[in-house]
Amino acid sequence: MQHSEVFSTPERRTAVASTRVTTTLYDVIAALQTVVEPEEDDLVVAIVTDWFRSGRLRFPEDATIAA
Protein backbone atom coordinates (compact mmCIF):
# COMPACT_ATOMS: atom_id res chain seq x y z
CA MET A 1 0.00 0.00 0.00
CA GLN A 2 1.37 3.39 -0.96
CA HIS A 3 1.36 6.43 1.28
CA SER A 4 -0.99 8.35 -1.04
CA GLU A 5 -3.60 5.60 -0.78
CA VAL A 6 -3.80 5.95 3.00
CA PHE A 7 -3.70 9.74 3.33
CA SER A 8 -5.43 11.86 0.75
CA THR A 9 -3.77 15.12 -0.17
CA PRO A 10 -6.03 18.12 0.47
CA GLU A 11 -6.96 20.15 -2.57
CA ARG A 12 -5.04 23.42 -2.88
CA ARG A 13 -6.96 26.61 -3.34
CA THR A 14 -5.38 29.15 -5.62
CA ALA A 15 -7.89 31.93 -4.99
CA VAL A 16 -6.69 34.56 -2.55
CA ALA A 17 -9.09 35.64 0.17
CA SER A 18 -10.10 39.27 0.08
CA THR A 19 -8.47 41.47 2.69
CA ARG A 20 -10.71 44.45 2.10
CA VAL A 21 -11.59 46.39 5.22
CA THR A 22 -13.86 49.42 5.24
CA THR A 23 -12.90 52.04 7.79
CA THR A 24 -12.38 55.76 8.09
CA LEU A 25 -9.19 57.66 7.41
CA TYR A 26 -9.39 58.92 10.99
CA ASP A 27 -9.36 55.32 12.31
CA VAL A 28 -6.32 54.46 10.17
CA ILE A 29 -4.41 57.47 11.46
CA ALA A 30 -5.48 56.79 15.07
CA ALA A 31 -4.31 53.17 14.81
CA LEU A 32 -0.93 54.24 13.44
CA GLN A 33 -0.52 56.81 16.19
CA THR A 34 -0.82 54.07 18.80
CA VAL A 35 2.38 52.43 17.55
CA VAL A 36 4.59 55.48 16.99
CA GLU A 37 5.98 58.00 19.43
CA PRO A 38 3.79 61.08 20.09
CA GLU A 39 6.21 63.44 18.33
CA GLU A 40 6.39 61.29 15.17
CA ASP A 41 3.35 62.68 13.34
CA ASP A 42 5.48 63.11 10.23
CA LEU A 43 6.03 59.34 10.18
CA VAL A 44 2.26 58.71 10.31
CA VAL A 45 1.75 61.12 7.40
CA ALA A 46 4.52 59.42 5.42
CA ILE A 47 3.01 55.95 5.99
CA VAL A 48 -0.52 57.03 5.01
CA THR A 49 0.83 58.82 1.93
CA ASP A 50 2.79 55.74 0.90
CA TRP A 51 -0.27 53.49 1.39
CA PHE A 52 -2.36 55.78 -0.83
CA ARG A 53 0.31 55.90 -3.54
CA SER A 54 0.83 52.11 -3.46
CA GLY A 55 -2.89 51.35 -3.59
CA ARG A 56 -2.98 49.66 -0.19
CA LEU A 57 -5.30 52.40 1.04
CA ARG A 58 -8.06 53.73 -1.22
CA PHE A 59 -11.06 55.96 -1.12
CA PRO A 60 -14.34 54.32 -2.13
CA GLU A 61 -15.35 55.13 -5.70
CA ASP A 62 -18.49 56.93 -4.52
CA ALA A 63 -16.69 59.05 -1.89
CA THR A 64 -17.02 62.81 -1.93
CA ILE A 65 -13.80 64.52 -0.92
CA ALA A 66 -14.24 68.12 0.20
CA ALA A 67 -11.26 70.42 0.26
PDB file of N, CA and C in Angstrom:
ATOM      1  N   MET A   1       0.832  -1.167   0.000  1.00  0.00           N
ATOM      2  CA  MET A   1       0.000   0.000   0.000  1.00  0.00           C
ATOM      3  C   MET A   1       0.892   1.251   0.000  1.00  0.00           C
ATOM      4  N   GLN A   2       0.580   2.169  -0.864  1.00  0.00           N
ATOM      5  CA  GLN A   2       1.369   3.390  -0.956  1.00  0.00           C
ATOM      6  C   GLN A   2       0.822   4.444   0.010  1.00  0.00           C
ATOM      7  N   HIS A   3       1.702   5.360   0.342  1.00  0.00           N
ATOM      8  CA  HIS A   3       1.356   6.433   1.277  1.00  0.00           C
ATOM      9  C   HIS A   3       0.158   7.239   0.780  1.00  0.00           C
ATOM     10  N   SER A   4       0.093   7.534  -0.499  1.00  0.00           N
ATOM     11  CA  SER A   4      -0.987   8.353  -1.042  1.00  0.00           C
ATOM     12  C   SER A   4      -2.334   7.646  -0.985  1.00  0.00           C
ATOM     13  N   GLU A   5      -2.340   6.328  -0.869  1.00  0.00           N
ATOM     14  CA  GLU A   5      -3.597   5.597  -0.777  1.00  0.00           C
ATOM     15  C   GLU A   5      -4.186   5.693   0.630  1.00  0.00           C
ATOM     16  N   VAL A   6      -3.347   5.882   1.616  1.00  0.00           N
ATOM     17  CA  VAL A   6      -3.805   5.952   2.997  1.00  0.00           C
ATOM     18  C   VAL A   6      -4.232   7.371   3.362  1.00  0.00           C
ATOM     19  N   PHE A   7      -3.428   8.351   2.998  1.00  0.00           N
ATOM     20  CA  PHE A   7      -3.699   9.740   3.330  1.00  0.00           C
ATOM     21  C   PHE A   7      -3.957  10.526   2.051  1.00  0.00           C
ATOM     22  N   SER A   8      -5.145  11.060   1.938  1.00  0.00           N
ATOM     23  CA  SER A   8      -5.430  11.859   0.752  1.00  0.00           C
ATOM     24  C   SER A   8      -4.805  13.243   0.909  1.00  0.00           C
ATOM     25  N   THR A   9      -4.353  13.792  -0.174  1.00  0.00           N
ATOM     26  CA  THR A   9      -3.768  15.121  -0.173  1.00  0.00           C
ATOM     27  C   THR A   9      -4.883  16.142  -0.318  1.00  0.00           C
ATOM     28  N   PRO A  10      -4.960  17.127   0.586  1.00  0.00           N
ATOM     29  CA  PRO A  10      -6.028  18.122   0.472  1.00  0.00           C
ATOM     30  C   PRO A  10      -5.864  18.946  -0.804  1.00  0.00           C
ATOM     31  N   GLU A  11      -6.979  19.349  -1.348  1.00  0.00           N
ATOM     32  CA  GLU A  11      -6.964  20.155  -2.568  1.00  0.00           C
ATOM     33  C   GLU A  11      -6.457  21.552  -2.240  1.00  0.00           C
ATOM     34  N   ARG A  12      -5.584  22.078  -3.082  1.00  0.00           N
ATOM     35  CA  ARG A  12      -5.041  23.422  -2.878  1.00  0.00           C
ATOM     36  C   ARG A  12      -5.958  24.443  -3.516  1.00  0.00           C
ATOM     37  N   ARG A  13      -6.181  25.508  -2.803  1.00  0.00           N
ATOM     38  CA  ARG A  13      -6.959  26.613  -3.342  1.00  0.00           C
ATOM     39  C   ARG A  13      -6.004  27.667  -3.856  1.00  0.00           C
ATOM     40  N   THR A  14      -6.251  28.127  -5.054  1.00  0.00           N
ATOM     41  CA  THR A  14      -5.378  29.150  -5.620  1.00  0.00           C
ATOM     42  C   THR A  14      -5.971  30.543  -5.476  1.00  0.00           C
ATOM     43  N   ALA A  15      -7.257  30.627  -5.159  1.00  0.00           N
ATOM     44  CA  ALA A  15      -7.892  31.931  -4.990  1.00  0.00           C
ATOM     45  C   ALA A  15      -7.422  32.558  -3.681  1.00  0.00           C
ATOM     46  N   VAL A  16      -7.149  33.831  -3.728  1.00  0.00           N
ATOM     47  CA  VAL A  16      -6.692  34.556  -2.549  1.00  0.00           C
ATOM     48  C   VAL A  16      -7.906  35.182  -1.874  1.00  0.00           C
ATOM     49  N   ALA A  17      -7.985  35.051  -0.580  1.00  0.00           N
ATOM     50  CA  ALA A  17      -9.088  35.643   0.168  1.00  0.00           C
ATOM     51  C   ALA A  17      -8.969  37.160   0.160  1.00  0.00           C
ATOM     52  N   SER A  18     -10.082  37.817   0.083  1.00  0.00           N
ATOM     53  CA  SER A  18     -10.101  39.269   0.079  1.00  0.00           C
ATOM     54  C   SER A  18      -9.688  39.808   1.442  1.00  0.00           C
ATOM     55  N   THR A  19      -8.873  40.838   1.438  1.00  0.00           N
ATOM     56  CA  THR A  19      -8.467  41.471   2.687  1.00  0.00           C
ATOM     57  C   THR A  19      -9.019  42.883   2.776  1.00  0.00           C
ATOM     58  N   ARG A  20     -10.114  43.129   2.102  1.00  0.00           N
ATOM     59  CA  ARG A  20     -10.709  44.454   2.095  1.00  0.00           C
ATOM     60  C   ARG A  20     -11.344  44.750   3.445  1.00  0.00           C
ATOM     61  N   VAL A  21     -11.021  45.915   3.975  1.00  0.00           N
ATOM     62  CA  VAL A  21     -11.594  46.391   5.223  1.00  0.00           C
ATOM     63  C   VAL A  21     -12.093  47.804   4.969  1.00  0.00           C
ATOM     64  N   THR A  22     -13.308  48.071   5.382  1.00  0.00           N
ATOM     65  CA  THR A  22     -13.855  49.417   5.238  1.00  0.00           C
ATOM     66  C   THR A  22     -13.749  50.120   6.576  1.00  0.00           C
ATOM     67  N   THR A  23     -13.093  51.263   6.565  1.00  0.00           N
ATOM     68  CA  THR A  23     -12.900  52.042   7.791  1.00  0.00           C
ATOM     69  C   THR A  23     -12.795  53.506   7.410  1.00  0.00           C
ATOM     70  N   THR A  24     -12.548  54.338   8.370  1.00  0.00           N
ATOM     71  CA  THR A  24     -12.379  55.761   8.086  1.00  0.00           C
ATOM     72  C   THR A  24     -10.894  56.108   8.084  1.00  0.00           C
ATOM     73  N   LEU A  25     -10.575  57.180   7.419  1.00  0.00           N
ATOM     74  CA  LEU A  25      -9.193  57.659   7.415  1.00  0.00           C
ATOM     75  C   LEU A  25      -8.768  58.030   8.832  1.00  0.00           C
ATOM     76  N   TYR A  26      -9.693  58.571   9.602  1.00  0.00           N
ATOM     77  CA  TYR A  26      -9.394  58.915  10.993  1.00  0.00           C
ATOM     78  C   TYR A  26      -8.975  57.663  11.769  1.00  0.00           C
ATOM     79  N   ASP A  27      -9.695  56.557  11.590  1.00  0.00           N
ATOM     80  CA  ASP A  27      -9.359  55.319  12.311  1.00  0.00           C
ATOM     81  C   ASP A  27      -7.993  54.777  11.910  1.00  0.00           C
ATOM     82  N   VAL A  28      -7.639  54.908  10.645  1.00  0.00           N
ATOM     83  CA  VAL A  28      -6.325  54.458  10.173  1.00  0.00           C
ATOM     84  C   VAL A  28      -5.223  55.284  10.844  1.00  0.00           C
ATOM     85  N   ILE A  29      -5.413  56.592  10.854  1.00  0.00           N
ATOM     86  CA  ILE A  29      -4.410  57.471  11.458  1.00  0.00           C
ATOM     87  C   ILE A  29      -4.328  57.223  12.966  1.00  0.00           C
ATOM     88  N   ALA A  30      -5.471  57.051  13.618  1.00  0.00           N
ATOM     89  CA  ALA A  30      -5.478  56.794  15.066  1.00  0.00           C
ATOM     90  C   ALA A  30      -4.766  55.484  15.393  1.00  0.00           C
ATOM     91  N   ALA A  31      -4.973  54.454  14.577  1.00  0.00           N
ATOM     92  CA  ALA A  31      -4.309  53.170  14.811  1.00  0.00           C
ATOM     93  C   ALA A  31      -2.803  53.299  14.648  1.00  0.00           C
ATOM     94  N   LEU A  32      -2.371  54.035  13.637  1.00  0.00           N
ATOM     95  CA  LEU A  32      -0.932  54.244  13.438  1.00  0.00           C
ATOM     96  C   LEU A  32      -0.321  55.027  14.591  1.00  0.00           C
ATOM     97  N   GLN A  33      -1.056  55.995  15.106  1.00  0.00           N
ATOM     98  CA  GLN A  33      -0.521  56.815  16.194  1.00  0.00           C
ATOM     99  C   GLN A  33      -0.359  56.035  17.489  1.00  0.00           C
ATOM    100  N   THR A  34      -0.993  54.883  17.599  1.00  0.00           N
ATOM    101  CA  THR A  34      -0.817  54.070  18.799  1.00  0.00           C
ATOM    102  C   THR A  34       0.498  53.300  18.788  1.00  0.00           C
ATOM    103  N   VAL A  35       1.144  53.202  17.634  1.00  0.00           N
ATOM    104  CA  VAL A  35       2.380  52.425  17.548  1.00  0.00           C
ATOM    105  C   VAL A  35       3.616  53.279  17.270  1.00  0.00           C
ATOM    106  N   VAL A  36       3.440  54.583  17.168  1.00  0.00           N
ATOM    107  CA  VAL A  36       4.590  55.476  16.990  1.00  0.00           C
ATOM    108  C   VAL A  36       4.663  56.420  18.183  1.00  0.00           C
ATOM    109  N   GLU A  37       5.801  57.039  18.348  1.00  0.00           N
ATOM    110  CA  GLU A  37       5.983  58.000  19.430  1.00  0.00           C
ATOM    111  C   GLU A  37       5.113  59.234  19.182  1.00  0.00           C
ATOM    112  N   PRO A  38       4.677  59.921  20.237  1.00  0.00           N
ATOM    113  CA  PRO A  38       3.789  61.080  20.088  1.00  0.00           C
ATOM    114  C   PRO A  38       4.338  62.185  19.174  1.00  0.00           C
ATOM    115  N   GLU A  39       5.635  62.362  19.161  1.00  0.00           N
ATOM    116  CA  GLU A  39       6.210  63.436  18.335  1.00  0.00           C
ATOM    117  C   GLU A  39       6.519  62.996  16.901  1.00  0.00           C
ATOM    118  N   GLU A  40       6.077  61.809  16.503  1.00  0.00           N
ATOM    119  CA  GLU A  40       6.388  61.293  15.167  1.00  0.00           C
ATOM    120  C   GLU A  40       5.199  61.365  14.207  1.00  0.00           C
ATOM    121  N   ASP A  41       4.477  62.497  14.246  1.00  0.00           N
ATOM    122  CA  ASP A  41       3.347  62.679  13.336  1.00  0.00           C
ATOM    123  C   ASP A  41       3.783  62.653  11.878  1.00  0.00           C
ATOM    124  N   ASP A  42       4.997  63.128  11.607  1.00  0.00           N
ATOM    125  CA  ASP A  42       5.483  63.113  10.228  1.00  0.00           C
ATOM    126  C   ASP A  42       5.630  61.683   9.701  1.00  0.00           C
ATOM    127  N   LEU A  43       5.929  60.738  10.577  1.00  0.00           N
ATOM    128  CA  LEU A  43       6.026  59.337  10.176  1.00  0.00           C
ATOM    129  C   LEU A  43       4.651  58.779   9.819  1.00  0.00           C
ATOM    130  N   VAL A  44       3.634  59.142  10.596  1.00  0.00           N
ATOM    131  CA  VAL A  44       2.261  58.712  10.308  1.00  0.00           C
ATOM    132  C   VAL A  44       1.827  59.254   8.951  1.00  0.00           C
ATOM    133  N   VAL A  45       2.094  60.514   8.695  1.00  0.00           N
ATOM    134  CA  VAL A  45       1.749  61.122   7.403  1.00  0.00           C
ATOM    135  C   VAL A  45       2.471  60.415   6.264  1.00  0.00           C
ATOM    136  N   ALA A  46       3.744  60.106   6.456  1.00  0.00           N
ATOM    137  CA  ALA A  46       4.520  59.418   5.418  1.00  0.00           C
ATOM    138  C   ALA A  46       3.957  58.020   5.131  1.00  0.00           C
ATOM    139  N   ILE A  47       3.561  57.295   6.172  1.00  0.00           N
ATOM    140  CA  ILE A  47       3.007  55.953   5.989  1.00  0.00           C
ATOM    141  C   ILE A  47       1.683  56.016   5.245  1.00  0.00           C
ATOM    142  N   VAL A  48       0.789  56.907   5.674  1.00  0.00           N
ATOM    143  CA  VAL A  48      -0.518  57.032   5.012  1.00  0.00           C
ATOM    144  C   VAL A  48      -0.341  57.456   3.556  1.00  0.00           C
ATOM    145  N   THR A  49       0.559  58.388   3.309  1.00  0.00           N
ATOM    146  CA  THR A  49       0.832  58.820   1.935  1.00  0.00           C
ATOM    147  C   THR A  49       1.338  57.663   1.091  1.00  0.00           C
ATOM    148  N   ASP A  50       2.251  56.887   1.623  1.00  0.00           N
ATOM    149  CA  ASP A  50       2.789  55.738   0.901  1.00  0.00           C
ATOM    150  C   ASP A  50       1.693  54.711   0.609  1.00  0.00           C
ATOM    151  N   TRP A  51       0.817  54.453   1.600  1.00  0.00           N
ATOM    152  CA  TRP A  51      -0.265  53.490   1.395  1.00  0.00           C
ATOM    153  C   TRP A  51      -1.230  53.953   0.314  1.00  0.00           C
ATOM    154  N   PHE A  52      -1.508  55.274   0.248  1.00  0.00           N
ATOM    155  CA  PHE A  52      -2.364  55.783  -0.833  1.00  0.00           C
ATOM    156  C   PHE A  52      -1.679  55.621  -2.189  1.00  0.00           C
ATOM    157  N   ARG A  53      -0.416  55.986  -2.266  1.00  0.00           N
ATOM    158  CA  ARG A  53       0.312  55.896  -3.538  1.00  0.00           C
ATOM    159  C   ARG A  53       0.475  54.457  -4.021  1.00  0.00           C
ATOM    160  N   SER A  54       0.638  53.513  -3.085  1.00  0.00           N
ATOM    161  CA  SER A  54       0.833  52.114  -3.464  1.00  0.00           C
ATOM    162  C   SER A  54      -0.482  51.392  -3.747  1.00  0.00           C
ATOM    163  N   GLY A  55      -1.605  51.987  -3.383  1.00  0.00           N
ATOM    164  CA  GLY A  55      -2.892  51.353  -3.590  1.00  0.00           C
ATOM    165  C   GLY A  55      -3.349  50.494  -2.429  1.00  0.00           C
ATOM    166  N   ARG A  56      -2.568  50.429  -1.372  1.00  0.00           N
ATOM    167  CA  ARG A  56      -2.981  49.661  -0.192  1.00  0.00           C
ATOM    168  C   ARG A  56      -4.140  50.325   0.535  1.00  0.00           C
ATOM    169  N   LEU A  57      -4.238  51.626   0.406  1.00  0.00           N
ATOM    170  CA  LEU A  57      -5.299  52.404   1.037  1.00  0.00           C
ATOM    171  C   LEU A  57      -5.988  53.177  -0.080  1.00  0.00           C
ATOM    172  N   ARG A  58      -7.311  53.071  -0.136  1.00  0.00           N
ATOM    173  CA  ARG A  58      -8.055  53.729  -1.224  1.00  0.00           C
ATOM    174  C   ARG A  58      -9.320  54.363  -0.692  1.00  0.00           C
ATOM    175  N   PHE A  59      -9.753  55.393  -1.387  1.00  0.00           N
ATOM    176  CA  PHE A  59     -11.059  55.961  -1.124  1.00  0.00           C
ATOM    177  C   PHE A  59     -12.093  55.172  -1.902  1.00  0.00           C
ATOM    178  N   PRO A  60     -13.295  54.995  -1.352  1.00  0.00           N
ATOM    179  CA  PRO A  60     -14.341  54.320  -2.129  1.00  0.00           C
ATOM    180  C   PRO A  60     -14.648  55.136  -3.394  1.00  0.00           C
ATOM    181  N   GLU A  61     -15.084  54.443  -4.421  1.00  0.00           N
ATOM    182  CA  GLU A  61     -15.347  55.133  -5.695  1.00  0.00           C
ATOM    183  C   GLU A  61     -16.442  56.191  -5.569  1.00  0.00           C
ATOM    184  N   ASP A  62     -17.380  55.986  -4.660  1.00  0.00           N
ATOM    185  CA  ASP A  62     -18.488  56.935  -4.520  1.00  0.00           C
ATOM    186  C   ASP A  62     -18.235  57.983  -3.438  1.00  0.00           C
ATOM    187  N   ALA A  63     -17.004  58.095  -2.963  1.00  0.00           N
ATOM    188  CA  ALA A  63     -16.691  59.046  -1.892  1.00  0.00           C
ATOM    189  C   ALA A  63     -16.619  60.460  -2.429  1.00  0.00           C
ATOM    190  N   THR A  64     -17.113  61.385  -1.625  1.00  0.00           N
ATOM    191  CA  THR A  64     -17.022  62.809  -1.933  1.00  0.00           C
ATOM    192  C   THR A  64     -15.932  63.380  -1.052  1.00  0.00           C
ATOM    193  N   ILE A  65     -14.934  63.975  -1.669  1.00  0.00           N
ATOM    194  CA  ILE A  65     -13.799  64.519  -0.919  1.00  0.00           C
ATOM    195  C   ILE A  65     -13.892  66.035  -0.999  1.00  0.00           C
ATOM    196  N   ALA A  66     -14.127  66.660   0.148  1.00  0.00           N
ATOM    197  CA  ALA A  66     -14.243  68.122   0.201  1.00  0.00           C
ATOM    198  C   ALA A  66     -12.904  68.699   0.613  1.00  0.00           C
ATOM    199  N   ALA A  67     -12.545  69.766  -0.061  1.00  0.00           N
ATOM    200  CA  ALA A  67     -11.264  70.416   0.258  1.00  0.00           C
ATOM    201  C   ALA A  67     -11.486  71.607   1.152  1.00  0.00           C
TER     202      ALA A  67
END
